[in-house]
C-alpha atoms as a PDB file:
ATOM      1  CA  MET A   1      56.183  31.334  12.258  1.00  0.00           C
ATOM      2  CA  ILE A   2      55.959  33.378  15.435  1.00  0.00           C
ATOM      3  CA  LYS A   3      57.538  30.562  17.457  1.00  0.00           C
ATOM      4  CA  ARG A   4      60.472  30.433  15.027  1.00  0.00           C
ATOM      5  CA  LEU A   5      61.016  34.206  15.298  1.00  0.00           C
ATOM      6  CA  LEU A   6      60.948  34.062  19.102  1.00  0.00           C
ATOM      7  CA  LEU A   7      63.389  31.171  19.093  1.00  0.00           C
ATOM      8  CA  ALA A   8      65.748  33.020  16.732  1.00  0.00           C
ATOM      9  CA  LEU A   9      65.567  36.153  18.924  1.00  0.00           C
ATOM     10  CA  ALA A  10      66.379  34.112  22.019  1.00  0.00           C
ATOM     11  CA  VAL A  11      69.415  32.570  20.313  1.00  0.00           C
ATOM     12  CA  VAL A  12      70.698  36.010  19.219  1.00  0.00           C
ATOM     13  CA  THR A  13      70.208  37.436  22.721  1.00  0.00           C
ATOM     14  CA  LEU A  14      72.009  34.513  24.336  1.00  0.00           C
ATOM     15  CA  SER A  15      74.895  34.839  21.905  1.00  0.00           C
ATOM     16  CA  ALA A  16      75.229  38.563  22.670  1.00  0.00           C
ATOM     17  CA  CYS A  17      75.322  37.845  26.394  1.00  0.00           C
ATOM     18  CA  GLN A  18      78.117  35.349  25.867  1.00  0.00           C
ATOM     19  CA  ILE A  19      80.151  37.754  23.695  1.00  0.00           C
ATOM     20  CA  LEU A  20      79.959  40.836  25.945  1.00  0.00           C
ATOM     21  CA  PRO A  21      82.605  40.691  28.695  1.00  0.00           C
ATOM     22  CA  GLU A  22      81.510  40.797  32.312  1.00  0.00           C
ATOM     23  CA  ARG A  23      82.207  44.057  34.122  1.00  0.00           C
ATOM     24  CA  PRO A  24      84.768  43.642  36.903  1.00  0.00           C
ATOM     25  CA  VAL A  25      83.536  44.200  40.430  1.00  0.00           C
ATOM     26  CA  VAL A  26      84.985  47.418  41.878  1.00  0.00           C
ATOM     27  CA  ALA A  27      85.645  47.470  45.629  1.00  0.00           C
ATOM     28  CA  LEU A  28      84.979  50.780  47.406  1.00  0.00           C
ATOM     29  CA  TYR A  29      87.208  51.657  50.364  1.00  0.00           C
ATOM     30  CA  GLN A  30      87.210  54.272  53.076  1.00  0.00           C
ATOM     31  CA  LEU A  31      89.994  55.060  55.524  1.00  0.00           C
ATOM     32  CA  PRO A  32      89.641  52.939  58.670  1.00  0.00           C
ATOM     33  CA  PRO A  33      88.028  54.950  61.490  1.00  0.00           C
ATOM     34  CA  SER A  34      90.460  56.845  63.686  1.00  0.00           C
ATOM     35  CA  THR A  35      91.447  55.186  66.942  1.00  0.00           C
ATOM     36  CA  ILE A  36      91.883  58.549  68.694  1.00  0.00           C
ATOM     37  CA  THR A  37      90.034  58.663  72.016  1.00  0.00           C
ATOM     38  CA  ALA A  38      88.743  61.551  74.087  1.00  0.00           C
ATOM     39  CA  ALA A  39      91.543  63.628  75.579  1.00  0.00           C
ATOM     40  CA  THR A  40      91.692  63.673  79.378  1.00  0.00           C
ATOM     41  CA  ASP A  41      92.190  67.453  79.396  1.00  0.00           C
ATOM     42  CA  SER A  42      89.146  68.039  77.223  1.00  0.00           C
ATOM     43  CA  GLN A  43      88.279  71.362  78.843  1.00  0.00           C
ATOM     44  CA  GLY A  44      91.763  72.683  79.528  1.00  0.00           C
ATOM     45  CA  ASP A  45      92.764  74.280  76.241  1.00  0.00           C
ATOM     46  CA  ALA A  46      89.691  74.055  74.052  1.00  0.00           C
ATOM     47  CA  ILE A  47      88.797  76.755  71.552  1.00  0.00           C
ATOM     48  CA  ARG A  48      85.161  77.304  70.871  1.00  0.00           C
ATOM     49  CA  SER A  49      84.788  76.402  67.206  1.00  0.00           C
ATOM     50  CA  LEU A  50      86.699  75.127  64.182  1.00  0.00           C
ATOM     51  CA  ARG A  51      85.692  74.386  60.630  1.00  0.00           C
ATOM     52  CA  LEU A  52      87.568  72.154  58.198  1.00  0.00           C
ATOM     53  CA  ASP A  53      88.016  72.795  54.505  1.00  0.00           C
ATOM     54  CA  ARG A  54      88.730  70.380  51.679  1.00  0.00           C
ATOM     55  CA  PRO A  55      92.472  70.447  50.998  1.00  0.00           C
ATOM     56  CA  GLY A  56      93.922  71.408  47.679  1.00  0.00           C
ATOM     57  CA  THR A  57      95.476  68.515  45.753  1.00  0.00           C
ATOM     58  CA  SER A  58      97.142  67.689  42.483  1.00  0.00           C
ATOM     59  CA  ASP A  59      94.993  66.486  39.601  1.00  0.00           C
ATOM     60  CA  ALA A  60      96.173  62.938  40.268  1.00  0.00           C
ATOM     61  CA  LEU A  61      94.844  62.990  43.838  1.00  0.00           C
ATOM     62  CA  ASN A  62      91.632  64.819  43.021  1.00  0.00           C
ATOM     63  CA  GLY A  63      89.747  61.670  42.033  1.00  0.00           C
ATOM     64  CA  ASN A  64      88.836  58.503  43.919  1.00  0.00           C
ATOM     65  CA  ARG A  65      91.471  56.074  42.644  1.00  0.00           C
ATOM     66  CA  LEU A  66      93.858  54.286  45.012  1.00  0.00           C
ATOM     67  CA  LEU A  67      97.255  55.229  43.647  1.00  0.00           C
ATOM     68  CA  VAL A  68     100.785  53.880  43.747  1.00  0.00           C
ATOM     69  CA  LEU A  69     103.718  56.155  42.970  1.00  0.00           C
ATOM     70  CA  ALA A  70     106.266  54.030  41.151  1.00  0.00           C
ATOM     71  CA  SER A  71     110.041  54.460  41.349  1.00  0.00           C
ATOM     72  CA  ASP A  72     110.027  56.366  38.028  1.00  0.00           C
ATOM     73  CA  ASN A  73     107.598  58.949  39.544  1.00  0.00           C
ATOM     74  CA  SER A  74     104.639  57.736  37.506  1.00  0.00           C
ATOM     75  CA  PHE A  75     101.286  56.972  39.119  1.00  0.00           C
ATOM     76  CA  GLU A  76      99.521  53.643  38.741  1.00  0.00           C
ATOM     77  CA  ALA A  77      96.111  52.709  40.126  1.00  0.00           C
ATOM     78  CA  TYR A  78      95.187  49.593  42.078  1.00  0.00           C
ATOM     79  CA  PRO A  79      92.921  47.577  39.748  1.00  0.00           C
ATOM     80  CA  ASN A  80      89.211  47.332  40.588  1.00  0.00           C
ATOM     81  CA  ALA A  81      89.582  49.475  43.715  1.00  0.00           C
ATOM     82  CA  ARG A  82      88.306  52.967  44.466  1.00  0.00           C
ATOM     83  CA  TRP A  83      87.924  55.270  47.437  1.00  0.00           C
ATOM     84  CA  SER A  84      84.329  55.829  48.502  1.00  0.00           C
ATOM     85  CA  ALA A  85      84.717  59.582  47.838  1.00  0.00           C
ATOM     86  CA  PRO A  86      87.167  61.899  46.073  1.00  0.00           C
ATOM     87  CA  VAL A  87      90.408  62.032  48.069  1.00  0.00           C
ATOM     88  CA  PRO A  88      90.065  65.690  49.264  1.00  0.00           C
ATOM     89  CA  THR A  89      86.575  65.000  50.641  1.00  0.00           C
ATOM     90  CA  LEU A  90      87.659  61.656  52.077  1.00  0.00           C
ATOM     91  CA  TRP A  91      90.528  63.321  53.982  1.00  0.00           C
ATOM     92  CA  ARG A  92      88.466  66.242  55.273  1.00  0.00           C
ATOM     93  CA  ASP A  93      85.661  64.021  56.552  1.00  0.00           C
ATOM     94  CA  TRP A  94      88.107  61.587  58.158  1.00  0.00           C
ATOM     95  CA  LEU A  95      89.886  64.453  59.949  1.00  0.00           C
ATOM     96  CA  LEU A  96      86.564  65.853  61.122  1.00  0.00           C
ATOM     97  CA  ASP A  97      85.755  62.511  62.753  1.00  0.00           C
ATOM     98  CA  ALA A  98      89.200  62.422  64.398  1.00  0.00           C
ATOM     99  CA  PHE A  99      88.613  65.893  65.901  1.00  0.00           C
ATOM    100  CA  TRP A 100      85.205  64.748  67.177  1.00  0.00           C
ATOM    101  CA  ARG A 101      86.781  61.701  68.800  1.00  0.00           C
ATOM    102  CA  ASP A 102      89.404  63.874  70.509  1.00  0.00           C
ATOM    103  CA  GLY A 103      86.627  65.996  72.005  1.00  0.00           C
ATOM    104  CA  ARG A 104      88.564  69.153  72.887  1.00  0.00           C
ATOM    105  CA  ILE A 105      86.696  71.357  70.410  1.00  0.00           C
ATOM    106  CA  ASP A 106      82.970  71.458  71.007  1.00  0.00           C
ATOM    107  CA  GLN A 107      81.787  73.043  67.751  1.00  0.00           C
ATOM    108  CA  LEU A 108      83.083  71.421  64.578  1.00  0.00           C
ATOM    109  CA  SER A 109      81.868  71.892  61.026  1.00  0.00           C
ATOM    110  CA  VAL A 110      83.031  71.936  57.416  1.00  0.00           C
ATOM    111  CA  VAL A 111      83.299  75.016  55.222  1.00  0.00           C
ATOM    112  CA  SER A 112      80.520  73.819  52.931  1.00  0.00           C
ATOM    113  CA  ASP A 113      78.090  73.979  55.878  1.00  0.00           C
ATOM    114  CA  GLY A 114      78.351  77.778  55.736  1.00  0.00           C
ATOM    115  CA  LEU A 115      78.616  78.115  59.532  1.00  0.00           C
ATOM    116  CA  GLN A 116      80.606  80.625  61.554  1.00  0.00           C
ATOM    117  CA  ALA A 117      83.734  79.464  63.387  1.00  0.00           C
ATOM    118  CA  GLN A 118      86.711  81.035  65.131  1.00  0.00           C
ATOM    119  CA  PHE A 119      89.289  79.227  63.027  1.00  0.00           C
ATOM    120  CA  GLU A 120      89.522  77.300  59.787  1.00  0.00           C
ATOM    121  CA  LEU A 121      91.827  74.363  59.050  1.00  0.00           C
ATOM    122  CA  GLY A 122      92.759  73.823  55.433  1.00  0.00           C
ATOM    123  CA  GLY A 123      95.874  73.396  53.345  1.00  0.00           C
ATOM    124  CA  THR A 124      97.255  71.132  50.648  1.00  0.00           C
ATOM    125  CA  LEU A 125      97.232  67.344  50.634  1.00  0.00           C
ATOM    126  CA  ARG A 126     100.367  66.390  48.707  1.00  0.00           C
ATOM    127  CA  ALA A 127     100.250  62.636  49.234  1.00  0.00           C
ATOM    128  CA  LEU A 128      97.721  60.030  50.245  1.00  0.00           C
ATOM    129  CA  HIS A 129      98.911  57.013  48.334  1.00  0.00           C
ATOM    130  CA  SER A 130     101.356  54.139  48.288  1.00  0.00           C
ATOM    131  CA  GLU A 131     104.893  54.750  47.111  1.00  0.00           C
ATOM    132  CA  TYR A 132     108.211  52.962  46.859  1.00  0.00           C
ATOM    133  CA  ASP A 133     111.087  54.102  49.067  1.00  0.00           C
ATOM    134  CA  ASN A 134     114.349  52.282  48.297  1.00  0.00           C
ATOM    135  CA  GLY A 135     112.313  49.427  46.890  1.00  0.00           C
ATOM    136  CA  VAL A 136     110.017  49.167  49.942  1.00  0.00           C
ATOM    137  CA  LEU A 137     106.308  49.827  49.440  1.00  0.00           C
ATOM    138  CA  GLN A 138     104.947  52.284  52.004  1.00  0.00           C
ATOM    139  CA  ALA A 139     101.787  54.243  52.707  1.00  0.00           C
ATOM    140  CA  SER A 140     102.583  57.940  52.502  1.00  0.00           C
ATOM    141  CA  ILE A 141     100.576  60.967  53.677  1.00  0.00           C
ATOM    142  CA  ARG A 142     101.868  64.537  53.364  1.00  0.00           C
ATOM    143  CA  TYR A 143      99.684  67.430  54.434  1.00  0.00           C
ATOM    144  CA  ASP A 144     100.651  71.109  54.429  1.00  0.00           C
ATOM    145  CA  ALA A 145      98.264  72.458  57.057  1.00  0.00           C
ATOM    146  CA  LEU A 146      97.076  76.064  57.263  1.00  0.00           C
ATOM    147  CA  LEU A 147      95.273  77.561  60.248  1.00  0.00           C
ATOM    148  CA  ILE A 148      93.255  80.651  59.352  1.00  0.00           C
ATOM    149  CA  ASP A 149      91.674  83.287  61.578  1.00  0.00           C
ATOM    150  CA  THR A 150      88.216  83.501  60.045  1.00  0.00           C
ATOM    151  CA  ARG A 151      87.682  87.040  61.311  1.00  0.00           C
ATOM    152  CA  SER A 152      90.745  88.570  59.654  1.00  0.00           C
ATOM    153  CA  ARG A 153      91.384  85.829  57.065  1.00  0.00           C
ATOM    154  CA  GLU A 154      95.023  85.862  58.164  1.00  0.00           C
ATOM    155  CA  ILE A 155      97.135  82.712  58.383  1.00  0.00           C
ATOM    156  CA  VAL A 156      97.682  81.957  62.073  1.00  0.00           C
ATOM    157  CA  ALA A 157     100.119  79.080  61.547  1.00  0.00           C
ATOM    158  CA  SER A 158     101.317  76.637  58.902  1.00  0.00           C
ATOM    159  CA  GLN A 159     103.177  73.374  59.125  1.00  0.00           C
ATOM    160  CA  ARG A 160     103.953  70.308  57.022  1.00  0.00           C
ATOM    161  CA  PHE A 161     102.939  66.956  58.476  1.00  0.00           C
ATOM    162  CA  GLN A 162     104.244  63.703  57.032  1.00  0.00           C
ATOM    163  CA  THR A 163     103.818  60.073  58.039  1.00  0.00           C
ATOM    164  CA  ARG A 164     104.745  56.761  56.452  1.00  0.00           C
ATOM    165  CA  GLU A 165     103.796  53.191  57.232  1.00  0.00           C
ATOM    166  CA  PRO A 166     105.098  49.943  55.668  1.00  0.00           C
ATOM    167  CA  ILE A 167     102.576  48.005  53.598  1.00  0.00           C
ATOM    168  CA  ALA A 168     102.343  44.272  54.232  1.00  0.00           C
ATOM    169  CA  ASP A 169     101.755  43.240  50.611  1.00  0.00           C
ATOM    170  CA  ASN A 170     100.775  44.586  47.194  1.00  0.00           C
ATOM    171  CA  SER A 171      96.994  44.400  47.705  1.00  0.00           C
ATOM    172  CA  ALA A 172      94.635  47.356  47.908  1.00  0.00           C
ATOM    173  CA  GLN A 173      93.383  46.088  51.278  1.00  0.00           C
ATOM    174  CA  ALA A 174      96.898  46.194  52.753  1.00  0.00           C
ATOM    175  CA  ALA A 175      97.444  49.700  51.357  1.00  0.00           C
ATOM    176  CA  VAL A 176      94.214  50.977  52.932  1.00  0.00           C
ATOM    177  CA  ARG A 177      95.123  49.475  56.314  1.00  0.00           C
ATOM    178  CA  ALA A 178      98.573  51.084  56.240  1.00  0.00           C
ATOM    179  CA  LEU A 179      97.158  54.445  55.154  1.00  0.00           C
ATOM    180  CA  GLY A 180      94.745  54.272  58.093  1.00  0.00           C
ATOM    181  CA  ILE A 181      97.634  53.752  60.529  1.00  0.00           C
ATOM    182  CA  ALA A 182      99.586  56.618  58.962  1.00  0.00           C
ATOM    183  CA  ALA A 183      96.540  58.892  59.101  1.00  0.00           C
ATOM    184  CA  ASP A 184      96.013  58.105  62.788  1.00  0.00           C
ATOM    185  CA  ALA A 185      99.605  59.019  63.630  1.00  0.00           C
ATOM    186  CA  MET A 186      99.308  62.285  61.737  1.00  0.00           C
ATOM    187  CA  ALA A 187      95.955  63.197  63.264  1.00  0.00           C
ATOM    188  CA  ALA A 188      97.353  62.984  66.796  1.00  0.00           C
ATOM    189  CA  GLU A 189     100.089  65.490  65.916  1.00  0.00           C
ATOM    190  CA  LEU A 190      97.775  67.685  63.852  1.00  0.00           C
ATOM    191  CA  ILE A 191      95.106  68.007  66.537  1.00  0.00           C
ATOM    192  CA  ASP A 192      97.628  68.916  69.243  1.00  0.00           C
ATOM    193  CA  TRP A 193      99.246  71.466  66.915  1.00  0.00           C
ATOM    194  CA  THR A 194      95.863  72.985  66.015  1.00  0.00           C
ATOM    195  CA  LEU A 195      94.893  73.417  69.656  1.00  0.00           C
ATOM    196  CA  ARG A 196      98.285  74.827  70.622  1.00  0.00           C
ATOM    197  CA  GLU A 197      98.390  77.395  67.821  1.00  0.00           C
ATOM    198  CA  THR A 198      94.785  78.516  68.158  1.00  0.00           C
ATOM    199  CA  ARG A 199      95.084  78.829  71.929  1.00  0.00           C
ATOM    200  CA  SER A 200      98.196  80.956  71.490  1.00  0.00           C
ATOM    201  CA  THR A 201      96.282  83.226  69.119  1.00  0.00           C
ATOM    202  CA  VAL A 202      93.358  83.556  71.518  1.00  0.00           C
ATOM    203  CA  ASP A 203      95.715  84.361  74.409  1.00  0.00           C
ATOM    204  CA  THR A 204      97.453  87.030  72.333  1.00  0.00           C
ATOM    205  CA  ARG A 205      94.119  88.641  71.501  1.00  0.00           C
ATOM    206  CA  THR A 206      93.164  88.668  75.180  1.00  0.00           C
ATOM    207  CA  GLN A 207      96.360  90.472  76.139  1.00  0.00           C
ATOM    208  CA  GLN A 208      95.937  93.182  73.521  1.00  0.00           C
END
């Protein structure tokens, strides 16, 4: 009797396993590491310290989905693909690494560390996704950067940065590669701008 019950239980369990669908494997992506290298004038115009904040984003970009903006302005997600972190955190941490690689600012941190710094870099990330432009699929990054004097909490400078990069095909892997190239191009401009604007502020303070 016991053997029959065990056999019946095994058959039921096997049947359930065959009925339940298998969960799709989800690939986790991060932006490719920045290719920025140490600046040759690493001591010439360095400020002492900078901290980076998570950018503001729309609700659509606040999660960890890899998105495509279709021609009708609706968002779609790449299937079975996710960023390794929510997009605002992903962007902040990637930028922090790019600043480290540049090497012209010795003391770098993020706002959540709770550390003192001369200046703070934040802003709004308006795009970090794929989108169609005249039927061509491109990686698009748009970042409205704000530089803040942490002592006075005044905005030192603001500027919109935008880069695009063609995507080789419709895969998530190709989109991530193109977004990495676009991010690298933006970081080079953003770092130079940050150093120029903060140095100008420091020089103005010195003259006062």
